All heavy atoms as atom14 arrays in JSON, in Angstrom:
{
  "sequence": "DVIDISRIRVLLNAASAAGKLPRTVIYSLNPSMYYTLATLCGA",
  "atom14_mask": [
    [1, 1, 1, 1, 1, 1, 1, 1, 0, 0, 0, 0, 0, 0],
    [1, 1, 1, 1, 1, 1, 1, 0, 0, 0, 0, 0, 0, 0],
    [1, 1, 1, 1, 1, 1, 1, 1, 0, 0, 0, 0, 0, 0],
    [1, 1, 1, 1, 1, 1, 1, 1, 0, 0, 0, 0, 0, 0],
    [1, 1, 1, 1, 1, 1, 1, 1, 0, 0, 0, 0, 0, 0],
    [1, 1, 1, 1, 1, 1, 0, 0, 0, 0, 0, 0, 0, 0],
    [1, 1, 1, 1, 1, 1, 1, 1, 1, 1, 1, 0, 0, 0],
    [1, 1, 1, 1, 1, 1, 1, 1, 0, 0, 0, 0, 0, 0],
    [1, 1, 1, 1, 1, 1, 1, 1, 1, 1, 1, 0, 0, 0],
    [1, 1, 1, 1, 1, 1, 1, 0, 0, 0, 0, 0, 0, 0],
    [1, 1, 1, 1, 1, 1, 1, 1, 0, 0, 0, 0, 0, 0],
    [1, 1, 1, 1, 1, 1, 1, 1, 0, 0, 0, 0, 0, 0],
    [1, 1, 1, 1, 1, 1, 1, 1, 0, 0, 0, 0, 0, 0],
    [1, 1, 1, 1, 1, 0, 0, 0, 0, 0, 0, 0, 0, 0],
    [1, 1, 1, 1, 1, 0, 0, 0, 0, 0, 0, 0, 0, 0],
    [1, 1, 1, 1, 1, 1, 0, 0, 0, 0, 0, 0, 0, 0],
    [1, 1, 1, 1, 1, 0, 0, 0, 0, 0, 0, 0, 0, 0],
    [1, 1, 1, 1, 1, 0, 0, 0, 0, 0, 0, 0, 0, 0],
    [1, 1, 1, 1, 0, 0, 0, 0, 0, 0, 0, 0, 0, 0],
    [1, 1, 1, 1, 1, 1, 1, 1, 1, 0, 0, 0, 0, 0],
    [1, 1, 1, 1, 1, 1, 1, 1, 0, 0, 0, 0, 0, 0],
    [1, 1, 1, 1, 1, 1, 1, 0, 0, 0, 0, 0, 0, 0],
    [1, 1, 1, 1, 1, 1, 1, 1, 1, 1, 1, 0, 0, 0],
    [1, 1, 1, 1, 1, 1, 1, 0, 0, 0, 0, 0, 0, 0],
    [1, 1, 1, 1, 1, 1, 1, 0, 0, 0, 0, 0, 0, 0],
    [1, 1, 1, 1, 1, 1, 1, 1, 0, 0, 0, 0, 0, 0],
    [1, 1, 1, 1, 1, 1, 1, 1, 1, 1, 1, 1, 0, 0],
    [1, 1, 1, 1, 1, 1, 0, 0, 0, 0, 0, 0, 0, 0],
    [1, 1, 1, 1, 1, 1, 1, 1, 0, 0, 0, 0, 0, 0],
    [1, 1, 1, 1, 1, 1, 1, 1, 0, 0, 0, 0, 0, 0],
    [1, 1, 1, 1, 1, 1, 1, 0, 0, 0, 0, 0, 0, 0],
    [1, 1, 1, 1, 1, 1, 0, 0, 0, 0, 0, 0, 0, 0],
    [1, 1, 1, 1, 1, 1, 1, 1, 0, 0, 0, 0, 0, 0],
    [1, 1, 1, 1, 1, 1, 1, 1, 1, 1, 1, 1, 0, 0],
    [1, 1, 1, 1, 1, 1, 1, 1, 1, 1, 1, 1, 0, 0],
    [1, 1, 1, 1, 1, 1, 1, 0, 0, 0, 0, 0, 0, 0],
    [1, 1, 1, 1, 1, 1, 1, 1, 0, 0, 0, 0, 0, 0],
    [1, 1, 1, 1, 1, 0, 0, 0, 0, 0, 0, 0, 0, 0],
    [1, 1, 1, 1, 1, 1, 1, 0, 0, 0, 0, 0, 0, 0],
    [1, 1, 1, 1, 1, 1, 1, 1, 0, 0, 0, 0, 0, 0],
    [1, 1, 1, 1, 1, 1, 0, 0, 0, 0, 0, 0, 0, 0],
    [1, 1, 1, 1, 0, 0, 0, 0, 0, 0, 0, 0, 0, 0],
    [1, 1, 1, 1, 1, 0, 0, 0, 0, 0, 0, 0, 0, 0]
  ],
  "atom14_positions": [
    [[0.83, -1.21, 0.0], [0.0, 0.0, 0.0], [0.86, 1.26, 0.0], [2.03, 1.24, 0.43], [-0.9, 0.03, 1.24], [-1.94, -1.08, 1.23], [-2.3, -1.53, 0.12], [-2.37, -1.5, 2.32], [0.0, 0.0, 0.0], [0.0, 0.0, 0.0], [0.0, 0.0, 0.0], [0.0, 0.0, 0.0], [0.0, 0.0, 0.0], [0.0, 0.0, 0.0]],
    [[0.28, 2.34, -0.47], [0.95, 3.63, -0.42], [1.26, 3.99, 1.03], [0.43, 3.81, 1.92], [0.07, 4.72, -1.07], [0.63, 6.11, -0.81], [-0.07, 4.47, -2.57], [0.0, 0.0, 0.0], [0.0, 0.0, 0.0], [0.0, 0.0, 0.0], [0.0, 0.0, 0.0], [0.0, 0.0, 0.0], [0.0, 0.0, 0.0], [0.0, 0.0, 0.0]],
    [[2.46, 4.49, 1.27], [2.87, 4.92, 2.6], [2.68, 6.43, 2.71], [3.05, 7.18, 1.8], [4.34, 4.54, 2.87], [4.47, 3.02, 2.94], [4.85, 5.19, 4.16], [5.9, 2.53, 3.0], [0.0, 0.0, 0.0], [0.0, 0.0, 0.0], [0.0, 0.0, 0.0], [0.0, 0.0, 0.0], [0.0, 0.0, 0.0], [0.0, 0.0, 0.0]],
    [[2.1, 6.87, 3.81], [1.91, 8.29, 4.06], [3.25, 9.01, 3.99], [4.17, 8.7, 4.75], [1.27, 8.48, 5.45], [0.89, 9.92, 5.74], [1.4, 10.83, 5.06], [0.09, 10.14, 6.67], [0.0, 0.0, 0.0], [0.0, 0.0, 0.0], [0.0, 0.0, 0.0], [0.0, 0.0, 0.0], [0.0, 0.0, 0.0], [0.0, 0.0, 0.0]],
    [[3.37, 9.95, 3.07], [4.65, 10.62, 2.83], [5.13, 11.37, 4.07], [6.34, 11.56, 4.26], [4.52, 11.57, 1.61], [5.9, 11.8, 0.97], [3.89, 12.89, 2.0], [6.39, 10.63, 0.19], [0.0, 0.0, 0.0], [0.0, 0.0, 0.0], [0.0, 0.0, 0.0], [0.0, 0.0, 0.0], [0.0, 0.0, 0.0], [0.0, 0.0, 0.0]],
    [[4.21, 11.77, 4.94], [4.61, 12.51, 6.13], [5.48, 11.66, 7.05], [6.32, 12.18, 7.79], [3.38, 13.02, 6.89], [2.63, 11.95, 7.42], [0.0, 0.0, 0.0], [0.0, 0.0, 0.0], [0.0, 0.0, 0.0], [0.0, 0.0, 0.0], [0.0, 0.0, 0.0], [0.0, 0.0, 0.0], [0.0, 0.0, 0.0], [0.0, 0.0, 0.0]],
    [[5.3, 10.34, 7.02], [6.12, 9.45, 7.86], [7.59, 9.52, 7.43], [8.49, 9.56, 8.27], [5.61, 8.02, 7.77], [4.19, 7.83, 8.28], [3.81, 6.37, 8.32], [2.47, 6.18, 8.89], [2.01, 5.03, 9.32], [2.77, 3.94, 9.27], [0.79, 4.93, 9.82], [0.0, 0.0, 0.0], [0.0, 0.0, 0.0], [0.0, 0.0, 0.0]],
    [[7.8, 9.51, 6.13], [9.17, 9.56, 5.63], [9.77, 10.96, 5.86], [10.94, 11.11, 6.21], [9.2, 9.19, 4.14], [8.5, 7.84, 3.94], [10.62, 9.11, 3.61], [7.94, 7.61, 2.58], [0.0, 0.0, 0.0], [0.0, 0.0, 0.0], [0.0, 0.0, 0.0], [0.0, 0.0, 0.0], [0.0, 0.0, 0.0], [0.0, 0.0, 0.0]],
    [[8.93, 11.97, 5.7], [9.38, 13.34, 5.93], [9.85, 13.52, 7.37], [10.88, 14.17, 7.62], [8.26, 14.33, 5.63], [8.67, 15.79, 5.83], [7.47, 16.72, 5.76], [6.51, 16.46, 6.83], [6.67, 16.88, 8.08], [7.75, 17.58, 8.43], [5.77, 16.61, 8.99], [0.0, 0.0, 0.0], [0.0, 0.0, 0.0], [0.0, 0.0, 0.0]],
    [[9.12, 12.95, 8.33], [9.5, 13.08, 9.73], [10.89, 12.51, 9.98], [11.72, 13.11, 10.68], [8.45, 12.39, 10.64], [8.97, 12.24, 12.06], [7.15, 13.19, 10.65], [0.0, 0.0, 0.0], [0.0, 0.0, 0.0], [0.0, 0.0, 0.0], [0.0, 0.0, 0.0], [0.0, 0.0, 0.0], [0.0, 0.0, 0.0], [0.0, 0.0, 0.0]],
    [[11.19, 11.36, 9.4], [12.52, 10.76, 9.56], [13.6, 11.65, 8.94], [14.62, 11.95, 9.59], [12.56, 9.37, 8.91], [13.95, 8.74, 8.85], [14.48, 8.45, 10.24], [13.93, 7.46, 8.0], [0.0, 0.0, 0.0], [0.0, 0.0, 0.0], [0.0, 0.0, 0.0], [0.0, 0.0, 0.0], [0.0, 0.0, 0.0], [0.0, 0.0, 0.0]],
    [[13.4, 12.06, 7.69], [14.4, 12.88, 7.02], [14.61, 14.21, 7.74], [15.73, 14.68, 7.9], [13.99, 13.13, 5.57], [13.86, 11.9, 4.67], [13.41, 12.31, 3.27], [15.15, 11.11, 4.61], [0.0, 0.0, 0.0], [0.0, 0.0, 0.0], [0.0, 0.0, 0.0], [0.0, 0.0, 0.0], [0.0, 0.0, 0.0], [0.0, 0.0, 0.0]],
    [[13.52, 14.8, 8.19], [13.61, 16.09, 8.87], [14.32, 15.96, 10.21], [15.12, 16.84, 10.59], [12.22, 16.69, 9.06], [12.27, 18.13, 9.49], [12.88, 18.97, 8.83], [11.66, 18.44, 10.63], [0.0, 0.0, 0.0], [0.0, 0.0, 0.0], [0.0, 0.0, 0.0], [0.0, 0.0, 0.0], [0.0, 0.0, 0.0], [0.0, 0.0, 0.0]],
    [[14.04, 14.89, 10.94], [14.7, 14.68, 12.23], [16.21, 14.53, 12.05], [17.0, 15.12, 12.79], [14.12, 13.45, 12.93], [0.0, 0.0, 0.0], [0.0, 0.0, 0.0], [0.0, 0.0, 0.0], [0.0, 0.0, 0.0], [0.0, 0.0, 0.0], [0.0, 0.0, 0.0], [0.0, 0.0, 0.0], [0.0, 0.0, 0.0], [0.0, 0.0, 0.0]],
    [[16.61, 13.75, 11.05], [18.04, 13.57, 10.79], [18.67, 14.87, 10.32], [19.78, 15.23, 10.74], [18.24, 12.47, 9.76], [0.0, 0.0, 0.0], [0.0, 0.0, 0.0], [0.0, 0.0, 0.0], [0.0, 0.0, 0.0], [0.0, 0.0, 0.0], [0.0, 0.0, 0.0], [0.0, 0.0, 0.0], [0.0, 0.0, 0.0], [0.0, 0.0, 0.0]],
    [[17.96, 15.6, 9.47], [18.47, 16.88, 8.97], [18.62, 17.89, 10.1], [19.63, 18.61, 10.19], [17.54, 17.42, 7.89], [17.97, 18.68, 7.41], [0.0, 0.0, 0.0], [0.0, 0.0, 0.0], [0.0, 0.0, 0.0], [0.0, 0.0, 0.0], [0.0, 0.0, 0.0], [0.0, 0.0, 0.0], [0.0, 0.0, 0.0], [0.0, 0.0, 0.0]],
    [[17.62, 17.96, 10.99], [17.66, 18.92, 12.1], [18.82, 18.63, 13.04], [19.38, 19.54, 13.67], [16.34, 18.88, 12.86], [0.0, 0.0, 0.0], [0.0, 0.0, 0.0], [0.0, 0.0, 0.0], [0.0, 0.0, 0.0], [0.0, 0.0, 0.0], [0.0, 0.0, 0.0], [0.0, 0.0, 0.0], [0.0, 0.0, 0.0], [0.0, 0.0, 0.0]],
    [[19.19, 17.36, 13.15], [20.32, 16.98, 13.99], [21.66, 17.12, 13.27], [22.72, 16.85, 13.86], [20.14, 15.53, 14.47], [0.0, 0.0, 0.0], [0.0, 0.0, 0.0], [0.0, 0.0, 0.0], [0.0, 0.0, 0.0], [0.0, 0.0, 0.0], [0.0, 0.0, 0.0], [0.0, 0.0, 0.0], [0.0, 0.0, 0.0], [0.0, 0.0, 0.0]],
    [[21.61, 17.55, 12.0], [22.83, 17.64, 11.21], [23.41, 16.29, 10.86], [24.61, 16.16, 10.6], [0.0, 0.0, 0.0], [0.0, 0.0, 0.0], [0.0, 0.0, 0.0], [0.0, 0.0, 0.0], [0.0, 0.0, 0.0], [0.0, 0.0, 0.0], [0.0, 0.0, 0.0], [0.0, 0.0, 0.0], [0.0, 0.0, 0.0], [0.0, 0.0, 0.0]],
    [[22.54, 15.25, 10.82], [23.0, 13.88, 10.61], [22.18, 13.17, 9.54], [21.8, 12.01, 9.69], [22.9, 13.09, 11.92], [23.75, 13.62, 13.06], [25.23, 13.4, 12.83], [26.03, 13.82, 14.06], [27.48, 13.57, 13.86], [0.0, 0.0, 0.0], [0.0, 0.0, 0.0], [0.0, 0.0, 0.0], [0.0, 0.0, 0.0], [0.0, 0.0, 0.0]],
    [[21.91, 13.86, 8.44], [21.18, 13.23, 7.35], [22.17, 12.64, 6.36], [22.92, 13.37, 5.71], [20.28, 14.25, 6.65], [19.46, 13.73, 5.45], [18.52, 12.61, 5.88], [18.68, 14.86, 4.79], [0.0, 0.0, 0.0], [0.0, 0.0, 0.0], [0.0, 0.0, 0.0], [0.0, 0.0, 0.0], [0.0, 0.0, 0.0], [0.0, 0.0, 0.0]],
    [[22.21, 11.31, 6.22], [23.16, 10.7, 5.28], [22.69, 10.84, 3.84], [21.53, 11.18, 3.58], [23.17, 9.23, 5.71], [21.79, 9.0, 6.25], [21.39, 10.29, 6.9], [0.0, 0.0, 0.0], [0.0, 0.0, 0.0], [0.0, 0.0, 0.0], [0.0, 0.0, 0.0], [0.0, 0.0, 0.0], [0.0, 0.0, 0.0], [0.0, 0.0, 0.0]],
    [[23.58, 10.61, 2.9], [23.16, 10.44, 1.51], [22.12, 9.35, 1.5], [22.33, 8.26, 2.06], [24.37, 10.05, 0.66], [24.06, 9.66, -0.78], [23.81, 10.87, -1.63], [23.72, 10.51, -3.04], [22.59, 10.16, -3.67], [21.45, 10.1, -3.01], [22.6, 9.87, -4.96], [0.0, 0.0, 0.0], [0.0, 0.0, 0.0], [0.0, 0.0, 0.0]],
    [[20.96, 9.63, 0.89], [19.83, 8.72, 0.97], [19.22, 8.46, -0.39], [19.05, 9.39, -1.19], [18.74, 9.32, 1.91], [19.3, 9.53, 3.22], [17.54, 8.38, 2.03], [0.0, 0.0, 0.0], [0.0, 0.0, 0.0], [0.0, 0.0, 0.0], [0.0, 0.0, 0.0], [0.0, 0.0, 0.0], [0.0, 0.0, 0.0], [0.0, 0.0, 0.0]],
    [[18.9, 7.21, -0.67], [18.21, 6.82, -1.91], [16.93, 6.1, -1.5], [16.96, 5.15, -0.72], [19.07, 5.9, -2.79], [18.36, 5.6, -4.1], [20.44, 6.53, -3.06], [0.0, 0.0, 0.0], [0.0, 0.0, 0.0], [0.0, 0.0, 0.0], [0.0, 0.0, 0.0], [0.0, 0.0, 0.0], [0.0, 0.0, 0.0], [0.0, 0.0, 0.0]],
    [[15.8, 6.59, -2.03], [14.49, 6.04, -1.66], [13.84, 5.37, -2.87], [13.71, 5.98, -3.94], [13.56, 7.15, -1.13], [14.23, 7.89, 0.04], [12.23, 6.57, -0.69], [13.41, 9.05, 0.59], [0.0, 0.0, 0.0], [0.0, 0.0, 0.0], [0.0, 0.0, 0.0], [0.0, 0.0, 0.0], [0.0, 0.0, 0.0], [0.0, 0.0, 0.0]],
    [[13.41, 4.13, -2.7], [12.74, 3.37, -3.75], [11.32, 3.06, -3.29], [11.07, 2.84, -2.1], [13.45, 2.04, -4.0], [14.95, 2.11, -4.13], [15.75, 2.13, -2.99], [15.57, 2.14, -5.38], [17.14, 2.18, -3.1], [16.95, 2.18, -5.49], [17.73, 2.21, -4.35], [19.09, 2.25, -4.45], [0.0, 0.0, 0.0], [0.0, 0.0, 0.0]],
    [[10.41, 2.98, -4.23], [9.05, 2.55, -3.9], [8.62, 1.45, -4.85], [8.79, 1.57, -6.07], [8.07, 3.72, -4.0], [6.74, 3.25, -3.83], [0.0, 0.0, 0.0], [0.0, 0.0, 0.0], [0.0, 0.0, 0.0], [0.0, 0.0, 0.0], [0.0, 0.0, 0.0], [0.0, 0.0, 0.0], [0.0, 0.0, 0.0], [0.0, 0.0, 0.0]],
    [[8.08, 0.37, -4.28], [7.53, -0.68, -5.13], [6.17, -0.29, -5.68], [5.71, -0.84, -6.67], [7.43, -1.98, -4.33], [7.34, -3.27, -5.13], [8.5, -3.4, -6.1], [7.28, -4.48, -4.21], [0.0, 0.0, 0.0], [0.0, 0.0, 0.0], [0.0, 0.0, 0.0], [0.0, 0.0, 0.0], [0.0, 0.0, 0.0], [0.0, 0.0, 0.0]],
    [[5.53, 0.69, -5.04], [4.25, 1.2, -5.51], [4.5, 2.48, -6.31], [4.84, 3.52, -5.75], [3.33, 1.51, -4.32], [1.9, 1.78, -4.76], [1.67, 2.42, -5.77], [0.94, 1.32, -3.97], [0.0, 0.0, 0.0], [0.0, 0.0, 0.0], [0.0, 0.0, 0.0], [0.0, 0.0, 0.0], [0.0, 0.0, 0.0], [0.0, 0.0, 0.0]],
    [[4.38, 2.42, -7.64], [4.76, 3.57, -8.48], [3.89, 4.8, -8.27], [4.29, 5.91, -8.66], [4.62, 3.03, -9.91], [3.66, 1.9, -9.81], [3.89, 1.29, -8.46], [0.0, 0.0, 0.0], [0.0, 0.0, 0.0], [0.0, 0.0, 0.0], [0.0, 0.0, 0.0], [0.0, 0.0, 0.0], [0.0, 0.0, 0.0], [0.0, 0.0, 0.0]],
    [[2.73, 4.64, -7.65], [1.89, 5.82, -7.41], [2.52, 6.76, -6.38], [2.05, 7.89, -6.21], [0.5, 5.39, -6.95], [0.55, 4.73, -5.7], [0.0, 0.0, 0.0], [0.0, 0.0, 0.0], [0.0, 0.0, 0.0], [0.0, 0.0, 0.0], [0.0, 0.0, 0.0], [0.0, 0.0, 0.0], [0.0, 0.0, 0.0], [0.0, 0.0, 0.0]],
    [[3.6, 6.32, -5.73], [4.3, 7.16, -4.77], [5.4, 8.01, -5.4], [5.96, 8.88, -4.74], [4.91, 6.3, -3.66], [3.91, 5.66, -2.72], [4.72, 4.7, -1.39], [5.58, 6.01, -0.51], [0.0, 0.0, 0.0], [0.0, 0.0, 0.0], [0.0, 0.0, 0.0], [0.0, 0.0, 0.0], [0.0, 0.0, 0.0], [0.0, 0.0, 0.0]],
    [[5.74, 7.73, -6.67], [6.89, 8.4, -7.28], [6.79, 9.92, -7.2], [7.76, 10.61, -6.86], [7.03, 8.0, -8.75], [7.54, 6.6, -9.01], [7.59, 6.09, -10.3], [7.98, 5.77, -7.99], [8.05, 4.82, -10.57], [8.44, 4.5, -8.24], [8.48, 4.03, -9.53], [8.94, 2.77, -9.78], [0.0, 0.0, 0.0], [0.0, 0.0, 0.0]],
    [[5.63, 10.45, -7.55], [5.49, 11.9, -7.66], [5.74, 12.58, -6.32], [6.51, 13.53, -6.22], [4.09, 12.23, -8.19], [4.04, 13.44, -9.09], [4.34, 13.33, -10.44], [3.69, 14.68, -8.59], [4.3, 14.44, -11.27], [3.64, 15.8, -9.41], [3.95, 15.67, -10.76], [3.9, 16.77, -11.58], [0.0, 0.0, 0.0], [0.0, 0.0, 0.0]],
    [[5.06, 12.08, -5.28], [5.25, 12.7, -3.97], [6.66, 12.47, -3.43], [7.25, 13.37, -2.82], [4.21, 12.16, -2.96], [4.21, 10.73, -3.01], [2.83, 12.68, -3.28], [0.0, 0.0, 0.0], [0.0, 0.0, 0.0], [0.0, 0.0, 0.0], [0.0, 0.0, 0.0], [0.0, 0.0, 0.0], [0.0, 0.0, 0.0], [0.0, 0.0, 0.0]],
    [[7.2, 11.27, -3.66], [8.55, 11.0, -3.2], [9.57, 11.9, -3.89], [10.52, 12.38, -3.25], [8.91, 9.53, -3.43], [8.43, 8.52, -2.4], [8.78, 7.11, -2.84], [9.02, 8.81, -1.02], [0.0, 0.0, 0.0], [0.0, 0.0, 0.0], [0.0, 0.0, 0.0], [0.0, 0.0, 0.0], [0.0, 0.0, 0.0], [0.0, 0.0, 0.0]],
    [[9.4, 12.11, -5.18], [10.34, 12.97, -5.92], [10.35, 14.38, -5.35], [11.41, 15.01, -5.22], [10.0, 12.98, -7.4], [0.0, 0.0, 0.0], [0.0, 0.0, 0.0], [0.0, 0.0, 0.0], [0.0, 0.0, 0.0], [0.0, 0.0, 0.0], [0.0, 0.0, 0.0], [0.0, 0.0, 0.0], [0.0, 0.0, 0.0], [0.0, 0.0, 0.0]],
    [[9.18, 14.9, -5.0], [9.13, 16.25, -4.43], [9.7, 16.27, -3.01], [10.35, 17.24, -2.61], [7.69, 16.8, -4.42], [6.85, 15.96, -3.64], [7.15, 16.9, -5.83], [0.0, 0.0, 0.0], [0.0, 0.0, 0.0], [0.0, 0.0, 0.0], [0.0, 0.0, 0.0], [0.0, 0.0, 0.0], [0.0, 0.0, 0.0], [0.0, 0.0, 0.0]],
    [[9.47, 15.19, -2.25], [10.06, 15.11, -0.91], [11.58, 15.08, -0.99], [12.27, 15.77, -0.23], [9.55, 13.87, -0.18], [10.14, 13.62, 1.21], [9.72, 14.72, 2.18], [9.72, 12.25, 1.74], [0.0, 0.0, 0.0], [0.0, 0.0, 0.0], [0.0, 0.0, 0.0], [0.0, 0.0, 0.0], [0.0, 0.0, 0.0], [0.0, 0.0, 0.0]],
    [[12.11, 14.29, -1.91], [13.56, 14.21, -2.06], [14.15, 15.59, -2.37], [15.24, 15.94, -1.88], [13.92, 13.23, -3.18], [13.56, 11.5, -2.79], [0.0, 0.0, 0.0], [0.0, 0.0, 0.0], [0.0, 0.0, 0.0], [0.0, 0.0, 0.0], [0.0, 0.0, 0.0], [0.0, 0.0, 0.0], [0.0, 0.0, 0.0], [0.0, 0.0, 0.0]],
    [[13.43, 16.37, -3.16], [13.92, 17.7, -3.53], [13.98, 18.67, -2.37], [14.61, 19.74, -2.48], [0.0, 0.0, 0.0], [0.0, 0.0, 0.0], [0.0, 0.0, 0.0], [0.0, 0.0, 0.0], [0.0, 0.0, 0.0], [0.0, 0.0, 0.0], [0.0, 0.0, 0.0], [0.0, 0.0, 0.0], [0.0, 0.0, 0.0], [0.0, 0.0, 0.0]],
    [[13.34, 18.33, -1.25], [13.35, 19.22, -0.08], [14.56, 18.99, 0.82], [14.78, 19.77, 1.75], [12.07, 19.01, 0.73], [0.0, 0.0, 0.0], [0.0, 0.0, 0.0], [0.0, 0.0, 0.0], [0.0, 0.0, 0.0], [0.0, 0.0, 0.0], [0.0, 0.0, 0.0], [0.0, 0.0, 0.0], [0.0, 0.0, 0.0], [0.0, 0.0, 0.0]]
  ]
}
């Protein structure tokens, strides 16, 4: 099923706020997530 994008954002934001966000690559087996994931990655 599609995963709520806010869940992934919370993780990335927490790591970023701590200055500890690693180089990250995100894949989705559900292609309907591509659009939202691509915009999240750009943030």
